[in-house]
């Protein structure tokens, strides 16, 4: 595995995922999802670390197992990863969260597919550029 590719693409993908989350959940669809807890420094740090971990997860798959190095293959693979992660997460939310709705399930799944597709494309580009 190319450790430098993994770290650079994973960190950048994590940062982009954090920003996409802010865009989708904090601006575009803020009224669609239930009110979130107060945005304390600790809350934002934990969200950022979760996004960073997710970016590194995608980058690890791309550099270690799949050798993805183009935007197109990164977008496609990222979207598939996003689909399965979103379904996993949202099925559990439906079972455990009292306020979960099918509309939230569908919207969150769509957002996760798009966001993970975007970070997949970014990771693919970075892997291709770094060789």
N, C-alpha and C. Protein backbone atom coordinates (compact mmCIF):
# COMPACT_ATOMS: atom_id res chain seq x y z
N UNK A 1 0.85 -1.19 0.00
CA UNK A 1 0.00 0.00 0.00
C UNK A 1 0.88 1.24 0.00
N UNK A 2 0.47 2.22 -0.72
CA UNK A 2 1.17 3.49 -0.75
C UNK A 2 0.66 4.35 0.40
N UNK A 3 1.44 4.37 1.48
CA UNK A 3 1.02 5.04 2.71
C UNK A 3 0.76 6.53 2.49
N UNK A 4 1.61 7.16 1.71
CA UNK A 4 1.44 8.60 1.47
C UNK A 4 0.11 8.86 0.74
N UNK A 5 -0.19 8.07 -0.28
CA UNK A 5 -1.47 8.22 -0.99
C UNK A 5 -2.64 8.04 -0.04
N UNK A 6 -2.55 7.00 0.79
CA UNK A 6 -3.61 6.70 1.75
C UNK A 6 -3.84 7.88 2.68
N UNK A 7 -2.78 8.41 3.26
CA UNK A 7 -2.91 9.49 4.23
C UNK A 7 -3.40 10.79 3.58
N UNK A 8 -2.80 11.16 2.47
CA UNK A 8 -3.19 12.42 1.82
C UNK A 8 -4.62 12.34 1.31
N UNK A 9 -4.95 11.28 0.58
CA UNK A 9 -6.32 11.18 0.04
C UNK A 9 -7.34 11.00 1.16
N UNK A 10 -6.98 10.27 2.22
CA UNK A 10 -7.90 10.06 3.33
C UNK A 10 -8.17 11.33 4.11
N UNK A 11 -7.13 12.10 4.37
CA UNK A 11 -7.31 13.35 5.12
C UNK A 11 -8.12 14.36 4.31
N UNK A 12 -7.79 14.50 3.04
CA UNK A 12 -8.53 15.43 2.20
C UNK A 12 -9.98 14.97 2.04
N UNK A 13 -10.20 13.67 1.84
CA UNK A 13 -11.56 13.15 1.73
C UNK A 13 -12.34 13.39 3.02
N UNK A 14 -11.70 13.22 4.16
CA UNK A 14 -12.35 13.46 5.44
C UNK A 14 -12.76 14.91 5.62
N UNK A 15 -11.88 15.81 5.24
CA UNK A 15 -12.19 17.24 5.34
C UNK A 15 -13.35 17.60 4.41
N UNK A 16 -13.31 17.09 3.19
CA UNK A 16 -14.39 17.36 2.24
C UNK A 16 -15.71 16.76 2.74
N UNK A 17 -15.66 15.57 3.32
CA UNK A 17 -16.87 14.95 3.86
C UNK A 17 -17.47 15.80 4.98
N UNK A 18 -16.61 16.35 5.83
CA UNK A 18 -17.05 17.24 6.90
C UNK A 18 -17.76 18.47 6.30
N UNK A 19 -17.15 19.07 5.29
CA UNK A 19 -17.74 20.26 4.66
C UNK A 19 -19.04 19.92 3.94
N UNK A 20 -19.10 18.76 3.30
CA UNK A 20 -20.34 18.34 2.64
C UNK A 20 -21.45 18.11 3.67
N UNK A 21 -21.09 17.55 4.80
CA UNK A 21 -22.07 17.36 5.88
C UNK A 21 -22.62 18.68 6.35
N UNK A 22 -21.75 19.66 6.51
CA UNK A 22 -22.18 21.01 6.90
C UNK A 22 -23.12 21.58 5.83
N UNK A 23 -22.77 21.40 4.56
CA UNK A 23 -23.60 21.91 3.47
C UNK A 23 -24.97 21.23 3.45
N UNK A 24 -24.97 19.89 3.45
CA UNK A 24 -26.23 19.16 3.33
C UNK A 24 -27.09 19.23 4.60
N UNK A 25 -26.48 18.92 5.75
CA UNK A 25 -27.25 18.84 6.99
C UNK A 25 -27.39 20.18 7.71
N UNK A 26 -26.43 21.08 7.49
CA UNK A 26 -26.45 22.35 8.19
C UNK A 26 -27.06 23.50 7.42
N UNK A 27 -27.16 23.36 6.09
CA UNK A 27 -27.69 24.45 5.27
C UNK A 27 -28.86 24.00 4.39
N UNK A 28 -28.60 23.06 3.48
CA UNK A 28 -29.62 22.71 2.47
C UNK A 28 -30.83 21.97 3.05
N UNK A 29 -30.60 21.05 3.96
CA UNK A 29 -31.70 20.23 4.47
C UNK A 29 -31.86 20.36 5.99
N UNK A 30 -31.52 21.51 6.52
CA UNK A 30 -31.56 21.73 7.96
C UNK A 30 -32.96 21.54 8.54
N UNK A 31 -34.00 21.86 7.80
CA UNK A 31 -35.36 21.72 8.30
C UNK A 31 -35.92 20.31 8.13
N UNK A 32 -35.21 19.47 7.39
CA UNK A 32 -35.69 18.13 7.11
C UNK A 32 -35.39 17.14 8.24
N UNK A 33 -34.28 17.37 8.92
CA UNK A 33 -33.84 16.45 9.97
C UNK A 33 -34.15 17.05 11.34
N UNK A 34 -34.35 16.19 12.34
CA UNK A 34 -34.67 16.71 13.68
C UNK A 34 -33.55 17.58 14.23
N UNK A 35 -33.92 18.41 15.18
CA UNK A 35 -32.95 19.32 15.79
C UNK A 35 -31.79 18.53 16.39
N UNK A 36 -30.61 19.01 16.12
CA UNK A 36 -29.39 18.36 16.61
C UNK A 36 -28.99 18.98 17.94
N UNK A 37 -28.13 18.28 18.70
CA UNK A 37 -27.66 18.86 19.96
C UNK A 37 -26.86 20.14 19.71
N UNK A 38 -26.66 20.89 20.77
CA UNK A 38 -25.88 22.11 20.66
C UNK A 38 -24.52 21.82 20.03
N UNK A 39 -24.09 22.72 19.17
CA UNK A 39 -22.82 22.55 18.48
C UNK A 39 -21.68 23.06 19.36
N UNK A 40 -21.32 22.27 20.34
CA UNK A 40 -20.20 22.62 21.20
C UNK A 40 -18.91 22.27 20.48
N UNK A 41 -17.82 22.73 21.02
CA UNK A 41 -16.51 22.41 20.45
C UNK A 41 -16.29 20.90 20.45
N UNK A 42 -16.69 20.25 21.53
CA UNK A 42 -16.50 18.80 21.60
C UNK A 42 -17.36 18.08 20.56
N UNK A 43 -18.60 18.53 20.38
CA UNK A 43 -19.49 17.92 19.39
C UNK A 43 -18.89 18.05 18.00
N UNK A 44 -18.45 19.24 17.66
CA UNK A 44 -17.87 19.48 16.34
C UNK A 44 -16.58 18.68 16.14
N UNK A 45 -15.78 18.56 17.20
CA UNK A 45 -14.56 17.77 17.12
C UNK A 45 -14.90 16.30 16.84
N UNK A 46 -15.89 15.77 17.53
CA UNK A 46 -16.28 14.37 17.33
C UNK A 46 -16.84 14.15 15.92
N UNK A 47 -17.62 15.10 15.42
CA UNK A 47 -18.13 15.01 14.05
C UNK A 47 -16.96 15.05 13.07
N UNK A 48 -16.02 15.97 13.28
CA UNK A 48 -14.86 16.06 12.40
C UNK A 48 -14.05 14.77 12.42
N UNK A 49 -13.81 14.23 13.60
CA UNK A 49 -13.04 12.98 13.70
C UNK A 49 -13.78 11.81 13.04
N UNK A 50 -15.10 11.80 13.15
CA UNK A 50 -15.88 10.78 12.45
C UNK A 50 -15.75 10.91 10.94
N UNK A 51 -15.79 12.13 10.44
CA UNK A 51 -15.63 12.38 9.00
C UNK A 51 -14.22 12.00 8.54
N UNK A 52 -13.24 12.35 9.35
CA UNK A 52 -11.85 12.00 9.02
C UNK A 52 -11.68 10.48 8.97
N UNK A 53 -12.26 9.78 9.92
CA UNK A 53 -12.20 8.32 9.94
C UNK A 53 -12.86 7.74 8.69
N UNK A 54 -13.98 8.29 8.30
CA UNK A 54 -14.68 7.81 7.11
C UNK A 54 -13.85 8.06 5.85
N UNK A 55 -13.23 9.24 5.76
CA UNK A 55 -12.36 9.53 4.62
C UNK A 55 -11.19 8.56 4.56
N UNK A 56 -10.60 8.26 5.70
CA UNK A 56 -9.50 7.29 5.74
C UNK A 56 -9.97 5.88 5.39
N UNK A 57 -11.18 5.54 5.79
CA UNK A 57 -11.77 4.24 5.44
C UNK A 57 -11.88 4.09 3.93
N UNK A 58 -12.45 5.09 3.27
CA UNK A 58 -12.60 5.06 1.82
C UNK A 58 -11.22 5.03 1.16
N UNK A 59 -10.31 5.86 1.62
CA UNK A 59 -8.96 5.90 1.05
C UNK A 59 -8.23 4.57 1.22
N UNK A 60 -8.42 3.93 2.35
CA UNK A 60 -7.79 2.63 2.59
C UNK A 60 -8.26 1.60 1.57
N UNK A 61 -9.57 1.54 1.36
CA UNK A 61 -10.12 0.61 0.38
C UNK A 61 -9.55 0.91 -1.01
N UNK A 62 -9.51 2.18 -1.35
CA UNK A 62 -9.04 2.58 -2.68
C UNK A 62 -7.56 2.28 -2.89
N UNK A 63 -6.73 2.53 -1.88
CA UNK A 63 -5.28 2.35 -2.07
C UNK A 63 -4.81 0.93 -1.78
N UNK A 64 -5.42 0.28 -0.82
CA UNK A 64 -4.96 -1.06 -0.41
C UNK A 64 -5.56 -2.16 -1.27
N UNK A 65 -6.85 -2.11 -1.53
CA UNK A 65 -7.52 -3.23 -2.18
C UNK A 65 -7.92 -2.96 -3.63
N UNK A 66 -8.31 -1.76 -3.94
CA UNK A 66 -8.91 -1.53 -5.26
C UNK A 66 -8.02 -0.79 -6.25
N UNK A 67 -6.97 -0.16 -5.77
CA UNK A 67 -6.08 0.64 -6.63
C UNK A 67 -6.88 1.61 -7.52
N UNK A 68 -7.81 2.29 -6.93
CA UNK A 68 -8.63 3.25 -7.68
C UNK A 68 -7.86 4.54 -7.84
N UNK A 69 -7.75 4.99 -9.09
CA UNK A 69 -6.92 6.17 -9.35
C UNK A 69 -7.53 7.12 -10.37
N UNK A 70 -8.85 7.06 -10.55
CA UNK A 70 -9.51 8.02 -11.43
C UNK A 70 -10.78 8.54 -10.73
N UNK A 71 -11.23 9.69 -11.18
CA UNK A 71 -12.44 10.28 -10.60
C UNK A 71 -13.66 9.41 -10.87
N UNK A 72 -13.76 8.86 -12.07
CA UNK A 72 -14.93 8.07 -12.44
C UNK A 72 -15.05 6.81 -11.61
N UNK A 73 -13.96 6.05 -11.51
CA UNK A 73 -14.03 4.82 -10.72
C UNK A 73 -14.18 5.15 -9.23
N UNK A 74 -13.57 6.23 -8.79
CA UNK A 74 -13.73 6.67 -7.40
C UNK A 74 -15.16 7.07 -7.09
N UNK A 75 -15.79 7.78 -8.00
CA UNK A 75 -17.18 8.19 -7.83
C UNK A 75 -18.08 6.96 -7.73
N UNK A 76 -17.92 6.02 -8.65
CA UNK A 76 -18.76 4.83 -8.66
C UNK A 76 -18.55 3.98 -7.40
N UNK A 77 -17.29 3.72 -7.07
CA UNK A 77 -17.00 2.91 -5.88
C UNK A 77 -17.45 3.63 -4.62
N UNK A 78 -17.23 4.92 -4.56
CA UNK A 78 -17.66 5.71 -3.40
C UNK A 78 -19.18 5.66 -3.23
N UNK A 79 -19.90 5.76 -4.33
CA UNK A 79 -21.36 5.72 -4.26
C UNK A 79 -21.84 4.36 -3.75
N UNK A 80 -21.20 3.29 -4.17
CA UNK A 80 -21.59 1.95 -3.70
C UNK A 80 -21.28 1.81 -2.21
N UNK A 81 -20.10 2.27 -1.80
CA UNK A 81 -19.76 2.24 -0.37
C UNK A 81 -20.77 3.06 0.41
N UNK A 82 -21.09 4.24 -0.08
CA UNK A 82 -22.07 5.11 0.57
C UNK A 82 -23.43 4.46 0.69
N UNK A 83 -23.85 3.75 -0.36
CA UNK A 83 -25.14 3.06 -0.32
C UNK A 83 -25.18 2.06 0.82
N UNK A 84 -24.17 1.21 0.91
CA UNK A 84 -24.19 0.16 1.94
C UNK A 84 -24.03 0.73 3.35
N UNK A 85 -23.17 1.74 3.50
CA UNK A 85 -23.01 2.37 4.81
C UNK A 85 -24.32 3.05 5.23
N UNK A 86 -24.95 3.75 4.29
CA UNK A 86 -26.20 4.45 4.60
C UNK A 86 -27.32 3.48 4.96
N UNK A 87 -27.42 2.39 4.21
CA UNK A 87 -28.46 1.41 4.54
C UNK A 87 -28.22 0.80 5.90
N UNK A 88 -26.98 0.43 6.17
CA UNK A 88 -26.63 -0.13 7.48
C UNK A 88 -27.03 0.84 8.60
N UNK A 89 -26.59 2.08 8.47
CA UNK A 89 -26.84 3.08 9.50
C UNK A 89 -28.33 3.38 9.66
N UNK A 90 -29.02 3.55 8.54
CA UNK A 90 -30.43 3.97 8.61
C UNK A 90 -31.37 2.84 9.02
N UNK A 91 -31.04 1.60 8.71
CA UNK A 91 -31.86 0.50 9.22
C UNK A 91 -31.80 0.48 10.75
N UNK A 92 -30.60 0.67 11.30
CA UNK A 92 -30.47 0.72 12.75
C UNK A 92 -31.18 1.94 13.33
N UNK A 93 -31.08 3.08 12.66
CA UNK A 93 -31.80 4.28 13.12
C UNK A 93 -33.30 4.03 13.16
N UNK A 94 -33.83 3.38 12.14
CA UNK A 94 -35.27 3.11 12.11
C UNK A 94 -35.69 2.22 13.28
N UNK A 95 -34.82 1.31 13.65
CA UNK A 95 -35.14 0.40 14.75
C UNK A 95 -35.00 1.06 16.11
N UNK A 96 -34.04 1.98 16.26
CA UNK A 96 -33.68 2.48 17.59
C UNK A 96 -34.12 3.91 17.88
N UNK A 97 -34.37 4.71 16.86
CA UNK A 97 -34.68 6.12 17.06
C UNK A 97 -36.18 6.34 16.97
N UNK A 98 -36.77 6.90 18.00
CA UNK A 98 -38.23 7.05 18.02
C UNK A 98 -38.73 8.04 16.97
N UNK A 99 -37.95 9.04 16.61
CA UNK A 99 -38.41 10.04 15.65
C UNK A 99 -38.04 9.76 14.21
N UNK A 100 -37.44 8.61 13.93
CA UNK A 100 -37.00 8.30 12.56
C UNK A 100 -38.20 8.07 11.65
N UNK A 101 -38.09 8.57 10.43
CA UNK A 101 -39.16 8.39 9.45
C UNK A 101 -38.57 7.78 8.17
N UNK A 102 -39.44 7.26 7.34
CA UNK A 102 -38.99 6.71 6.06
C UNK A 102 -38.43 7.81 5.15
N UNK A 103 -38.98 9.01 5.29
CA UNK A 103 -38.47 10.14 4.51
C UNK A 103 -37.04 10.49 4.92
N UNK A 104 -36.78 10.48 6.22
CA UNK A 104 -35.42 10.74 6.71
C UNK A 104 -34.48 9.63 6.25
N UNK A 105 -34.96 8.40 6.29
CA UNK A 105 -34.18 7.25 5.83
C UNK A 105 -33.75 7.47 4.39
N UNK A 106 -34.72 7.80 3.53
CA UNK A 106 -34.44 7.98 2.11
C UNK A 106 -33.52 9.17 1.86
N UNK A 107 -33.78 10.29 2.53
CA UNK A 107 -32.98 11.49 2.32
C UNK A 107 -31.54 11.27 2.80
N UNK A 108 -31.37 10.69 3.98
CA UNK A 108 -30.03 10.46 4.49
C UNK A 108 -29.28 9.47 3.60
N UNK A 109 -29.97 8.46 3.10
CA UNK A 109 -29.33 7.51 2.19
C UNK A 109 -28.86 8.21 0.92
N UNK A 110 -29.70 9.05 0.36
CA UNK A 110 -29.32 9.78 -0.85
C UNK A 110 -28.13 10.72 -0.58
N UNK A 111 -28.18 11.43 0.54
CA UNK A 111 -27.07 12.34 0.88
C UNK A 111 -25.77 11.57 1.06
N UNK A 112 -25.84 10.43 1.72
CA UNK A 112 -24.63 9.64 1.96
C UNK A 112 -24.07 9.09 0.66
N UNK A 113 -24.93 8.63 -0.24
CA UNK A 113 -24.46 8.14 -1.54
C UNK A 113 -23.75 9.25 -2.30
N UNK A 114 -24.37 10.42 -2.36
CA UNK A 114 -23.77 11.55 -3.09
C UNK A 114 -22.46 11.99 -2.44
N UNK A 115 -22.47 12.16 -1.12
CA UNK A 115 -21.27 12.62 -0.41
C UNK A 115 -20.12 11.63 -0.55
N UNK A 116 -20.41 10.35 -0.39
CA UNK A 116 -19.35 9.36 -0.48
C UNK A 116 -18.87 9.22 -1.93
N UNK A 117 -19.77 9.39 -2.88
CA UNK A 117 -19.35 9.41 -4.28
C UNK A 117 -18.38 10.56 -4.55
N UNK A 118 -18.68 11.72 -3.99
CA UNK A 118 -17.81 12.89 -4.19
C UNK A 118 -16.45 12.66 -3.55
N UNK A 119 -16.41 12.17 -2.31
CA UNK A 119 -15.10 11.96 -1.69
C UNK A 119 -14.37 10.80 -2.36
N UNK A 120 -15.12 9.85 -2.92
CA UNK A 120 -14.49 8.78 -3.69
C UNK A 120 -13.82 9.30 -4.94
N UNK A 121 -14.49 10.22 -5.62
CA UNK A 121 -13.90 10.83 -6.82
C UNK A 121 -12.64 11.61 -6.45
N UNK A 122 -12.70 12.33 -5.35
CA UNK A 122 -11.54 13.11 -4.89
C UNK A 122 -10.38 12.18 -4.55
N UNK A 123 -10.67 11.12 -3.81
CA UNK A 123 -9.61 10.16 -3.45
C UNK A 123 -9.04 9.52 -4.69
N UNK A 124 -9.88 9.19 -5.67
CA UNK A 124 -9.39 8.62 -6.91
C UNK A 124 -8.48 9.58 -7.67
N UNK A 125 -8.86 10.84 -7.74
CA UNK A 125 -8.03 11.85 -8.41
C UNK A 125 -6.67 11.97 -7.71
N UNK A 126 -6.71 12.05 -6.40
CA UNK A 126 -5.46 12.20 -5.64
C UNK A 126 -4.57 10.98 -5.85
N UNK A 127 -5.13 9.79 -5.78
CA UNK A 127 -4.34 8.58 -6.00
C UNK A 127 -3.74 8.56 -7.40
N UNK A 128 -4.50 9.02 -8.40
CA UNK A 128 -3.98 9.08 -9.77
C UNK A 128 -2.87 10.09 -9.95
N UNK A 129 -2.99 11.23 -9.30
CA UNK A 129 -1.98 12.29 -9.41
C UNK A 129 -0.68 11.91 -8.68
N UNK A 130 -0.84 11.20 -7.54
CA UNK A 130 0.35 10.87 -6.74
C UNK A 130 1.05 9.61 -7.25
N UNK A 131 0.37 8.88 -8.13
CA UNK A 131 1.00 7.70 -8.72
C UNK A 131 1.19 6.57 -7.87
